[in-house]
C-alpha atoms as a PDB file:
ATOM      1  CA  MET A   1      36.010 -30.213   5.383  1.00  0.00           C
ATOM      2  CA  SER A   2      35.173 -30.206   9.348  1.00  0.00           C
ATOM      3  CA  ASP A   3      32.170 -31.458  10.827  1.00  0.00           C
ATOM      4  CA  VAL A   4      31.218 -27.995  11.314  1.00  0.00           C
ATOM      5  CA  GLY A   5      31.431 -26.865   7.845  1.00  0.00           C
ATOM      6  CA  LEU A   6      29.375 -30.526   6.956  1.00  0.00           C
ATOM      7  CA  VAL A   7      26.848 -29.104   9.352  1.00  0.00           C
ATOM      8  CA  ALA A   8      26.704 -25.798   8.125  1.00  0.00           C
ATOM      9  CA  LYS A   9      26.244 -27.287   4.371  1.00  0.00           C
ATOM     10  CA  ALA A  10      23.704 -29.309   5.258  1.00  0.00           C
ATOM     11  CA  VAL A  11      21.377 -26.819   6.968  1.00  0.00           C
ATOM     12  CA  ALA A  12      21.611 -24.651   3.758  1.00  0.00           C
ATOM     13  CA  GLU A  13      20.309 -27.701   1.732  1.00  0.00           C
ATOM     14  CA  ILE A  14      17.645 -27.899   4.034  1.00  0.00           C
ATOM     15  CA  ALA A  15      16.802 -24.221   4.003  1.00  0.00           C
ATOM     16  CA  LYS A  16      16.389 -24.408   0.532  1.00  0.00           C
ATOM     17  CA  VAL A  17      14.526 -27.302   0.209  1.00  0.00           C
ATOM     18  CA  VAL A  18      12.085 -25.757   2.839  1.00  0.00           C
ATOM     19  CA  GLY A  19      12.268 -22.390   0.676  1.00  0.00           C
ATOM     20  CA  ASN A  20      11.471 -24.240  -2.426  1.00  0.00           C
ATOM     21  CA  TRP A  21       8.290 -26.241  -0.890  1.00  0.00           C
ATOM     22  CA  GLN A  22       6.890 -22.853   0.438  1.00  0.00           C
ATOM     23  CA  VAL A  23       6.114 -21.501  -2.949  1.00  0.00           C
ATOM     24  CA  SER A  24       5.356 -24.813  -4.341  1.00  0.00           C
ATOM     25  CA  ALA A  25       2.160 -25.481  -5.973  1.00  0.00           C
ATOM     26  CA  GLU A  26       1.697 -28.404  -3.653  1.00  0.00           C
ATOM     27  CA  ARG A  27       1.715 -26.135  -0.794  1.00  0.00           C
ATOM     28  CA  ARG A  28      -0.768 -23.548  -2.393  1.00  0.00           C
ATOM     29  CA  ARG A  29      -3.200 -26.816  -3.264  1.00  0.00           C
ATOM     30  CA  MET A  30      -2.833 -27.619   0.347  1.00  0.00           C
ATOM     31  CA  GLN A  31      -3.824 -24.129   1.924  1.00  0.00           C
ATOM     32  CA  LYS A  32      -6.797 -23.756  -0.134  1.00  0.00           C
ATOM     33  CA  ALA A  33      -7.860 -27.698   0.534  1.00  0.00           C
ATOM     34  CA  ILE A  34      -7.374 -26.443   4.499  1.00  0.00           C
ATOM     35  CA  ALA A  35      -9.417 -23.041   3.660  1.00  0.00           C
ATOM     36  CA  THR A  36     -11.996 -25.165   2.135  1.00  0.00           C
ATOM     37  CA  ALA A  37     -12.404 -27.693   5.124  1.00  0.00           C
ATOM     38  CA  GLU A  38     -12.955 -24.601   7.085  1.00  0.00           C
ATOM     39  CA  GLU A  39     -15.650 -23.474   4.925  1.00  0.00           C
ATOM     40  CA  TYR A  40     -17.219 -26.640   5.530  1.00  0.00           C
ATOM     41  CA  ILE A  41     -17.022 -26.284   9.038  1.00  0.00           C
ATOM     42  CA  PHE A  42     -18.466 -23.231   9.290  1.00  0.00           C
ATOM     43  CA  VAL A  43     -21.469 -24.372   7.032  1.00  0.00           C
ATOM     44  CA  ASN A  44     -22.224 -26.946   9.233  1.00  0.00           C
ATOM     45  CA  GLU A  45     -22.234 -25.272  12.560  1.00  0.00           C
ATOM     46  CA  GLY A  46     -23.639 -22.199  11.177  1.00  0.00           C
ATOM     47  CA  ALA A  47     -21.490 -19.842  12.130  1.00  0.00           C
ATOM     48  CA  GLY A  48     -20.452 -16.688  10.691  1.00  0.00           C
ATOM     49  CA  GLU A  49     -21.251 -15.457   7.254  1.00  0.00           C
ATOM     50  CA  TYR A  50     -23.413 -19.005   7.132  1.00  0.00           C
ATOM     51  CA  GLU A  51     -25.388 -18.238  10.475  1.00  0.00           C
ATOM     52  CA  ASN A  52     -28.967 -17.828   8.806  1.00  0.00           C
ATOM     53  CA  ILE A  53     -29.032 -19.815   5.387  1.00  0.00           C
ATOM     54  CA  PRO A  54     -32.014 -21.986   4.383  1.00  0.00           C
ATOM     55  CA  LEU A  55     -31.562 -25.752   5.058  1.00  0.00           C
ATOM     56  CA  ALA A  56     -31.278 -26.488   1.180  1.00  0.00           C
ATOM     57  CA  LYS A  57     -28.667 -23.975   0.558  1.00  0.00           C
ATOM     58  CA  LYS A  58     -26.930 -25.669   3.699  1.00  0.00           C
ATOM     59  CA  GLY A  59     -27.072 -28.868   1.667  1.00  0.00           C
ATOM     60  CA  LYS A  60     -25.471 -27.672  -1.387  1.00  0.00           C
ATOM     61  CA  LEU A  61     -22.718 -25.634   0.186  1.00  0.00           C
ATOM     62  CA  LEU A  62     -21.852 -28.879   2.246  1.00  0.00           C
ATOM     63  CA  ARG A  63     -21.781 -30.863  -0.950  1.00  0.00           C
ATOM     64  CA  HIS A  64     -19.571 -28.041  -2.957  1.00  0.00           C
ATOM     65  CA  PHE A  65     -16.980 -27.922  -0.224  1.00  0.00           C
ATOM     66  CA  CYS A  66     -16.863 -31.703   0.276  1.00  0.00           C
ATOM     67  CA  LYS A  67     -16.122 -32.222  -3.297  1.00  0.00           C
ATOM     68  CA  ARG A  68     -13.839 -29.263  -3.550  1.00  0.00           C
ATOM     69  CA  PHE A  69     -11.835 -30.559  -0.564  1.00  0.00           C
ATOM     70  CA  PHE A  70     -11.635 -34.193  -1.957  1.00  0.00           C
ATOM     71  CA  THR A  71     -10.482 -32.572  -5.443  1.00  0.00           C
ATOM     72  CA  LEU A  72      -8.021 -30.448  -3.729  1.00  0.00           C
ATOM     73  CA  ASN A  73      -6.788 -33.593  -1.591  1.00  0.00           C
ATOM     74  CA  ASN A  74      -5.409 -35.759  -3.876  1.00  0.00           C
END
């Protein structure tokens, strides 16, 4: 097999691995962890829908998103 054929075969294998990773549970879990981290930041900064929440609720939400993030990020 020529060098070009070997490279083409390697690229095809890499594409298959990346394709499998994109539909995997690990990737979905990572996406959920990222979304949770963003929600934590929004609550902490009081941005968006969390702009006018009471301090007690803010504390509860921060704890919730913190626990959720570290649960997802194992």
